[in-house]
Amino acid sequence: MITQQASIRREPLRAWRQFHSRDIDEARSLVAQKFCDHRLQPKGQIRGFGTRHNHVCGQSLSLNYLSYGSTVQIDPGELQDFYLVQIPIDGHAQVNSGAETEVSDFRMATVLNPTRATQMTWHADCRMLLLQIDRKALHEIAERAAGLALAEAVIFNIAVPVSAGPLHRWARQFAACVHATDAQAGFGTWSPLQQRLIEEQLILGFLTHQKSNIRHLLSPRAAAGSSQQVRRARDFIHAHAGDPLTVLEIAAEAGCSIRTLQTGFRQAYGLTPVAYLRDLRLDLAHYLLLSRPAETPVSSIAYDCGFSHLGRFSQLYRDRFGELPSTTCAARGKPEKPAGSPLARHSSSV
């Protein structure tokens, strides 16, 4: 368990030492080789400065241990190509990412998003375990888990509460990987298939339990025992959620009558095909409202998700998420847009 490691003085991943340097410029350059270019500046006394970085690479993940020995300010900007989960095993840090700020210690880890500018202060007592996750690999797993093409990057809340709940269990899995690797029975020793499966398990577990702009899309939509016709219809709906679909088109794609389609959906999901499509569109709209640039109008997102009337969309959205789309926008600093005008869509569409 990671929180128990706060009392362990030994250095994790010591066999994979990359360097130990007391030179700030050298430390910055060497850390940048494994992560990204960044600014590194001491804050206050520098007498204890001494960077230690241990790193072992998998297929889409890397395990890292990093400490600086004195208080430093780190400004990596946007990471671009990877996510970085930071779990202190000693000490604390302050992380500012996008509009969020979090003080991190062994109870509260953080995650840095590749599309959010980040600035951090690591205090002198801070020792971190870091899980670096390839952005492309995470996105592919997220799309498979959601059963949907995701047009925008996954954005996590930066605060990762590892002291309790599902993320506590996830942190134990991560710690087990570190322990196994230290014992020469983990990263670097597993077969390629075993490595891939364990990495996918870590990524999927984090996606499932950490708050993000897509977590609501990951609730199971498939029902055990659903017919092949229902599965074909579901896949067609997922692939064309933003199009002006009709029940007749969905039934034709599934190869069955409208009545058979409706009966099958009620048995599998407790919903009609129309209601299933509506809820999917609302979930996609919620994802895009949390993901698109601040200047994107609500009407544009509603249109992209297949809604033909903004007033109706706003009411359905409030019924599903407990707030208006404009409120979701305001939480991200987006301007409110007036509701009520119809959009240019076919009135016969679902």
Protein backbone atom coordinates (compact mmCIF):
# COMPACT_ATOMS: atom_id res chain seq x y z
CA MET A 1 0.00 0.00 0.00
CA ILE A 2 1.40 3.37 -1.04
CA THR A 3 0.37 5.25 2.10
CA GLN A 4 2.38 2.74 4.15
CA GLN A 5 5.47 3.64 2.15
CA ALA A 6 5.65 7.03 3.89
CA SER A 7 7.53 5.31 6.69
CA ILE A 8 9.81 3.31 4.39
CA ARG A 9 13.11 5.06 3.93
CA ARG A 10 14.51 2.83 1.23
CA GLU A 11 14.53 4.21 -2.28
CA PRO A 12 12.01 2.63 -4.71
CA LEU A 13 13.27 1.34 -8.07
CA ARG A 14 16.88 1.79 -6.98
CA ALA A 15 18.09 -0.80 -9.49
CA TRP A 16 16.86 1.51 -12.29
CA ARG A 17 18.77 4.62 -11.20
CA GLN A 18 19.00 7.11 -14.05
CA PHE A 19 21.15 9.66 -12.25
CA HIS A 20 21.94 11.45 -9.00
CA SER A 21 22.98 15.05 -9.58
CA ARG A 22 23.60 18.12 -7.43
CA ASP A 23 23.69 20.40 -10.47
CA ILE A 24 20.34 22.06 -11.19
CA ASP A 25 20.88 22.51 -14.94
CA GLU A 26 22.07 18.93 -15.35
CA ALA A 27 19.11 17.62 -13.33
CA ARG A 28 16.63 19.60 -15.41
CA SER A 29 18.14 18.36 -18.66
CA LEU A 30 18.23 14.72 -17.60
CA VAL A 31 14.68 14.69 -16.21
CA ALA A 32 13.48 16.35 -19.42
CA GLN A 33 14.84 13.42 -21.44
CA LYS A 34 12.29 11.08 -19.82
CA PHE A 35 9.41 13.55 -19.49
CA CYS A 36 9.37 16.92 -21.25
CA ASP A 37 11.23 20.20 -21.31
CA HIS A 38 10.50 22.33 -18.25
CA ARG A 39 11.76 25.10 -16.02
CA LEU A 40 13.34 24.08 -12.72
CA GLN A 41 14.19 26.72 -10.13
CA PRO A 42 15.26 26.39 -6.49
CA LYS A 43 13.14 28.15 -3.89
CA GLY A 44 14.97 29.24 -0.77
CA GLN A 45 17.97 27.28 0.52
CA ILE A 46 19.67 25.06 -2.05
CA ARG A 47 22.18 23.35 0.22
CA GLY A 48 20.30 20.06 0.23
CA PHE A 49 19.67 19.95 -3.52
CA GLY A 50 20.36 16.57 -5.05
CA THR A 51 18.08 15.09 -7.70
CA ARG A 52 17.53 11.33 -7.74
CA HIS A 53 15.60 9.83 -10.62
CA ASN A 54 14.86 6.13 -11.06
CA HIS A 55 12.97 5.05 -14.17
CA VAL A 56 11.81 1.73 -15.64
CA CYS A 57 9.87 1.67 -18.89
CA GLY A 58 7.07 -0.65 -19.96
CA GLN A 59 5.07 -0.53 -23.19
CA SER A 60 2.72 2.41 -22.57
CA LEU A 61 3.66 3.16 -18.95
CA SER A 62 6.79 3.97 -17.02
CA LEU A 63 7.43 3.71 -13.29
CA ASN A 64 9.48 6.49 -11.74
CA TYR A 65 10.91 7.65 -8.43
CA LEU A 66 11.95 11.31 -8.20
CA SER A 67 13.18 13.60 -5.42
CA TYR A 68 15.04 16.93 -5.42
CA GLY A 69 16.32 17.26 -1.84
CA SER A 70 15.34 20.93 -1.54
CA THR A 71 12.28 23.02 -2.39
CA VAL A 72 11.96 23.60 -6.13
CA GLN A 73 9.50 25.21 -8.51
CA ILE A 74 8.73 23.17 -11.63
CA ASP A 75 6.99 24.57 -14.70
CA PRO A 76 6.46 21.95 -17.43
CA GLY A 77 3.63 23.83 -19.18
CA GLU A 78 1.54 21.35 -21.17
CA LEU A 79 2.86 17.78 -21.17
CA GLN A 80 1.42 17.12 -24.66
CA ASP A 81 2.13 13.38 -25.04
CA PHE A 82 1.51 11.83 -21.63
CA TYR A 83 -0.38 11.89 -18.35
CA LEU A 84 1.54 11.86 -15.08
CA VAL A 85 0.13 10.45 -11.83
CA GLN A 86 2.19 11.78 -8.91
CA ILE A 87 1.99 9.95 -5.56
CA PRO A 88 4.06 11.35 -2.69
CA ILE A 89 5.55 8.70 -0.40
CA ASP A 90 7.02 11.46 1.80
CA GLY A 91 6.47 15.19 2.11
CA HIS A 92 4.13 17.34 0.08
CA ALA A 93 3.79 19.44 -3.05
CA GLN A 94 1.49 22.11 -4.44
CA VAL A 95 0.18 21.54 -7.96
CA ASN A 96 -1.53 24.16 -10.13
CA SER A 97 -2.99 22.74 -13.34
CA GLY A 98 -5.46 24.64 -15.48
CA ALA A 99 -7.89 26.26 -13.04
CA GLU A 100 -7.28 23.69 -10.29
CA THR A 101 -4.90 23.86 -7.33
CA GLU A 102 -4.16 20.95 -5.01
CA VAL A 103 -1.85 20.38 -2.06
CA SER A 104 -0.60 16.83 -2.41
CA ASP A 105 0.69 14.39 0.21
CA PHE A 106 0.56 10.62 0.78
CA ARG A 107 -3.22 10.84 1.16
CA MET A 108 -3.86 12.94 -1.94
CA ALA A 109 -2.03 12.19 -5.17
CA THR A 110 -2.35 14.31 -8.31
CA VAL A 111 -2.59 13.71 -12.04
CA LEU A 112 -1.27 16.09 -14.68
CA ASN A 113 -3.19 16.32 -17.96
CA PRO A 114 -1.33 16.69 -21.26
CA THR A 115 -3.51 19.60 -22.42
CA ARG A 116 -3.45 21.66 -19.22
CA ALA A 117 -0.57 23.98 -18.34
CA THR A 118 0.97 23.01 -15.00
CA GLN A 119 3.15 24.70 -12.38
CA MET A 120 4.30 22.93 -9.21
CA THR A 121 6.21 23.47 -6.00
CA TRP A 122 7.84 20.35 -4.59
CA HIS A 123 8.97 20.91 -1.01
CA ALA A 124 12.31 19.74 0.28
CA ASP A 125 10.82 16.69 2.00
CA CYS A 126 8.94 15.52 -1.11
CA ARG A 127 9.67 12.09 -2.56
CA MET A 128 7.42 10.97 -5.38
CA LEU A 129 6.41 7.80 -7.17
CA LEU A 130 5.31 8.74 -10.69
CA LEU A 131 3.26 6.77 -13.20
CA GLN A 132 3.75 8.10 -16.71
CA ILE A 133 0.94 7.06 -19.11
CA ASP A 134 1.17 7.44 -22.88
CA ARG A 135 -1.63 9.74 -24.04
CA LYS A 136 -2.43 7.76 -27.19
CA ALA A 137 -2.63 4.44 -25.31
CA LEU A 138 -4.96 5.91 -22.68
CA HIS A 139 -7.19 7.43 -25.35
CA GLU A 140 -7.49 4.11 -27.20
CA ILE A 141 -8.46 2.28 -24.01
CA ALA A 142 -10.94 5.04 -23.14
CA GLU A 143 -12.62 4.69 -26.53
CA ARG A 144 -12.87 0.92 -26.14
CA ALA A 145 -14.28 1.28 -22.63
CA ALA A 146 -16.85 3.88 -23.71
CA GLY A 147 -17.71 2.15 -26.97
CA LEU A 148 -17.50 5.56 -28.62
CA ALA A 149 -15.12 7.65 -30.68
CA LEU A 150 -13.85 10.44 -28.42
CA ALA A 151 -13.07 13.64 -30.31
CA GLU A 152 -11.45 15.40 -27.33
CA ALA A 153 -8.69 14.45 -24.91
CA VAL A 154 -9.56 12.79 -21.62
CA ILE A 155 -9.23 15.41 -18.85
CA PHE A 156 -8.96 14.19 -15.26
CA ASN A 157 -9.57 16.16 -12.08
CA ILE A 158 -6.07 16.75 -10.73
CA ALA A 159 -6.89 15.57 -7.17
CA VAL A 160 -6.50 11.78 -6.79
CA PRO A 161 -7.71 10.64 -3.33
CA VAL A 162 -5.70 7.46 -2.70
CA SER A 163 -6.35 7.10 1.03
CA ALA A 164 -9.84 5.58 0.68
CA GLY A 165 -12.35 4.19 -1.79
CA PRO A 166 -11.77 2.70 -5.25
CA LEU A 167 -8.63 4.77 -5.85
CA HIS A 168 -7.17 3.34 -2.65
CA ARG A 169 -7.48 -0.11 -4.22
CA TRP A 170 -6.05 1.19 -7.50
CA ALA A 171 -3.08 2.68 -5.61
CA ARG A 172 -2.47 -0.71 -4.00
CA GLN A 173 -2.27 -2.26 -7.48
CA PHE A 174 0.22 0.38 -8.56
CA ALA A 175 2.28 -0.16 -5.40
CA ALA A 176 2.25 -3.91 -6.08
CA CYS A 177 3.77 -3.24 -9.53
CA VAL A 178 6.51 -1.14 -7.92
CA HIS A 179 7.21 -3.79 -5.27
CA ALA A 180 7.29 -6.57 -7.88
CA THR A 181 9.64 -4.54 -10.05
CA ASP A 182 11.94 -3.90 -7.07
CA ALA A 183 11.98 -7.67 -6.51
CA GLN A 184 12.96 -8.26 -10.15
CA ALA A 185 9.54 -9.81 -10.80
CA GLY A 186 7.68 -6.93 -12.45
CA PHE A 187 8.41 -4.39 -15.19
CA GLY A 188 11.31 -5.66 -17.26
CA THR A 189 10.64 -9.33 -16.44
CA TRP A 190 7.03 -9.96 -17.51
CA SER A 191 6.27 -11.40 -20.94
CA PRO A 192 5.02 -8.86 -23.52
CA LEU A 193 1.46 -10.20 -23.18
CA GLN A 194 1.53 -10.08 -19.38
CA GLN A 195 3.03 -6.58 -19.48
CA ARG A 196 0.30 -5.35 -21.83
CA LEU A 197 -2.51 -6.86 -19.73
CA ILE A 198 -1.21 -5.39 -16.49
CA GLU A 199 -0.69 -1.97 -18.06
CA GLU A 200 -4.21 -2.01 -19.53
CA GLN A 201 -5.58 -2.99 -16.11
CA LEU A 202 -3.83 -0.02 -14.48
CA ILE A 203 -5.01 2.41 -17.16
CA LEU A 204 -8.59 1.12 -17.19
CA GLY A 205 -8.76 1.15 -13.39
CA PHE A 206 -7.65 4.77 -13.30
CA LEU A 207 -10.11 5.73 -16.05
CA THR A 208 -12.94 3.98 -14.25
CA HIS A 209 -12.41 5.47 -10.79
CA GLN A 210 -10.78 8.88 -11.25
CA LYS A 211 -13.13 11.81 -11.92
CA SER A 212 -12.85 13.02 -15.50
CA ASN A 213 -14.76 14.42 -18.44
CA ILE A 214 -15.60 10.87 -19.60
CA ARG A 215 -16.24 8.87 -16.43
CA HIS A 216 -20.01 9.13 -16.96
CA LEU A 217 -19.52 7.49 -20.38
CA LEU A 218 -17.93 4.39 -18.88
CA SER A 219 -21.00 3.00 -17.09
CA PRO A 220 -21.95 -0.33 -18.68
CA ARG A 221 -24.35 0.05 -21.60
CA ALA A 222 -24.27 -3.53 -22.83
CA ALA A 223 -26.65 -6.02 -21.25
CA ALA A 224 -25.79 -9.67 -20.77
CA GLY A 225 -27.77 -11.91 -23.07
CA SER A 226 -28.86 -9.15 -25.45
CA SER A 227 -29.65 -10.39 -28.93
CA GLN A 228 -27.40 -9.98 -31.94
CA GLN A 229 -29.99 -7.62 -33.43
CA VAL A 230 -29.91 -5.40 -30.35
CA ARG A 231 -26.10 -5.38 -30.36
CA ARG A 232 -26.05 -4.38 -34.04
CA ALA A 233 -28.54 -1.61 -33.35
CA ARG A 234 -26.54 -0.42 -30.33
CA ASP A 235 -23.29 -0.34 -32.32
CA PHE A 236 -25.03 1.58 -35.13
CA ILE A 237 -26.41 4.12 -32.63
CA HIS A 238 -22.97 4.59 -31.06
CA ALA A 239 -21.34 5.12 -34.46
CA HIS A 240 -23.97 7.65 -35.64
CA ALA A 241 -25.16 9.30 -32.43
CA GLY A 242 -24.86 12.80 -33.88
CA ASP A 243 -26.75 11.98 -37.08
CA PRO A 244 -30.52 12.54 -37.56
CA LEU A 245 -31.44 8.88 -37.00
CA THR A 246 -34.94 7.44 -37.16
CA VAL A 247 -36.20 4.26 -35.52
CA LEU A 248 -36.84 2.85 -38.99
CA GLU A 249 -33.18 3.35 -39.95
CA ILE A 250 -31.97 1.72 -36.74
CA ALA A 251 -34.27 -1.28 -37.21
CA ALA A 252 -33.16 -1.66 -40.84
CA GLU A 253 -29.50 -1.67 -39.78
CA ALA A 254 -30.28 -4.27 -37.09
CA GLY A 255 -32.16 -6.44 -39.60
CA CYS A 256 -35.43 -6.60 -37.67
CA SER A 257 -38.81 -4.94 -37.36
CA ILE A 258 -39.37 -1.80 -35.29
CA ARG A 259 -41.48 -3.79 -32.83
CA THR A 260 -38.77 -6.43 -32.40
CA LEU A 261 -36.18 -3.68 -31.91
CA GLN A 262 -38.27 -1.92 -29.26
CA THR A 263 -38.96 -5.16 -27.39
CA GLY A 264 -35.27 -6.10 -27.48
CA PHE A 265 -34.14 -2.73 -26.13
CA ARG A 266 -36.69 -2.76 -23.33
CA GLN A 267 -35.50 -6.22 -22.30
CA ALA A 268 -31.80 -5.33 -22.55
CA TYR A 269 -31.75 -1.77 -21.22
CA GLY A 270 -35.20 -0.94 -19.87
CA LEU A 271 -35.40 1.78 -22.52
CA THR A 272 -36.79 2.28 -25.98
CA PRO A 273 -34.23 2.78 -28.78
CA VAL A 274 -35.25 6.45 -28.87
CA ALA A 275 -34.62 6.90 -25.14
CA TYR A 276 -31.31 5.02 -25.37
CA LEU A 277 -30.17 7.32 -28.20
CA ARG A 278 -31.36 10.41 -26.30
CA ASP A 279 -29.41 9.46 -23.16
CA LEU A 280 -26.31 8.66 -25.19
CA ARG A 281 -26.50 12.05 -26.91
CA LEU A 282 -26.87 13.80 -23.54
CA ASP A 283 -23.85 11.93 -22.19
CA LEU A 284 -21.84 12.97 -25.24
CA ALA A 285 -22.96 16.58 -24.82
CA HIS A 286 -21.86 16.53 -21.17
CA TYR A 287 -18.45 15.20 -22.27
CA LEU A 288 -18.07 17.91 -24.92
CA LEU A 289 -19.24 20.70 -22.59
CA LEU A 290 -16.45 19.65 -20.23
CA SER A 291 -13.89 19.34 -23.06
CA ARG A 292 -14.36 21.95 -25.78
CA PRO A 293 -12.66 25.38 -25.70
CA ALA A 294 -14.33 28.02 -23.55
CA GLU A 295 -15.63 29.99 -26.53
CA THR A 296 -17.60 27.03 -27.98
CA PRO A 297 -21.35 27.87 -27.91
CA VAL A 298 -23.75 25.48 -26.20
CA SER A 299 -25.83 25.47 -29.37
CA SER A 300 -22.87 24.13 -31.38
CA ILE A 301 -22.38 21.21 -28.99
CA ALA A 302 -26.12 20.45 -28.93
CA TYR A 303 -26.17 20.41 -32.73
CA ASP A 304 -23.10 18.16 -32.92
CA CYS A 305 -24.80 15.69 -30.58
CA GLY A 306 -27.94 15.45 -32.69
CA PHE A 307 -30.35 17.79 -30.88
CA SER A 308 -32.57 19.97 -33.06
CA HIS A 309 -33.94 22.39 -30.46
CA LEU A 310 -31.78 24.10 -27.83
CA GLY A 311 -34.60 24.69 -25.35
CA ARG A 312 -35.57 21.01 -25.39
CA PHE A 313 -31.93 20.01 -25.12
CA SER A 314 -31.44 22.24 -22.06
CA GLN A 315 -34.44 20.71 -20.28
CA LEU A 316 -33.36 17.12 -21.02
CA TYR A 317 -29.82 17.94 -19.94
CA ARG A 318 -31.03 19.38 -16.62
CA ASP A 319 -33.20 16.30 -16.02
CA ARG A 320 -30.20 14.01 -16.54
CA PHE A 321 -27.39 15.98 -14.86
CA GLY A 322 -29.21 18.22 -12.38
CA GLU A 323 -28.02 21.47 -13.97
CA LEU A 324 -28.38 23.44 -17.18
CA PRO A 325 -25.71 23.19 -19.90
CA SER A 326 -24.81 26.81 -19.19
CA THR A 327 -24.03 25.87 -15.58
CA THR A 328 -21.65 23.17 -16.75
CA CYS A 329 -20.03 25.76 -18.99
CA ALA A 330 -19.78 28.30 -16.19
CA ALA A 331 -17.91 25.77 -14.06
CA ARG A 332 -15.20 25.83 -16.73
CA GLY A 333 -15.31 29.59 -17.21
CA LYS A 334 -17.44 29.39 -20.35
CA PRO A 335 -19.91 32.15 -21.21
CA GLU A 336 -23.60 31.40 -20.87
CA LYS A 337 -25.57 31.16 -24.10
CA PRO A 338 -29.27 31.94 -24.47
CA ALA A 339 -31.58 28.95 -24.83
CA GLY A 340 -34.78 28.40 -26.76
CA SER A 341 -34.09 28.83 -30.48
CA PRO A 342 -34.51 25.84 -32.76
CA LEU A 343 -31.52 24.54 -34.68
CA ALA A 344 -31.53 23.65 -38.34
CA ARG A 345 -32.14 19.90 -38.03
CA HIS A 346 -34.80 17.64 -39.48
CA SER A 347 -37.82 17.57 -37.19
CA SER A 348 -38.30 13.88 -38.03
CA SER A 349 -34.96 12.90 -36.47
CA VAL A 350 -34.82 11.17 -33.09
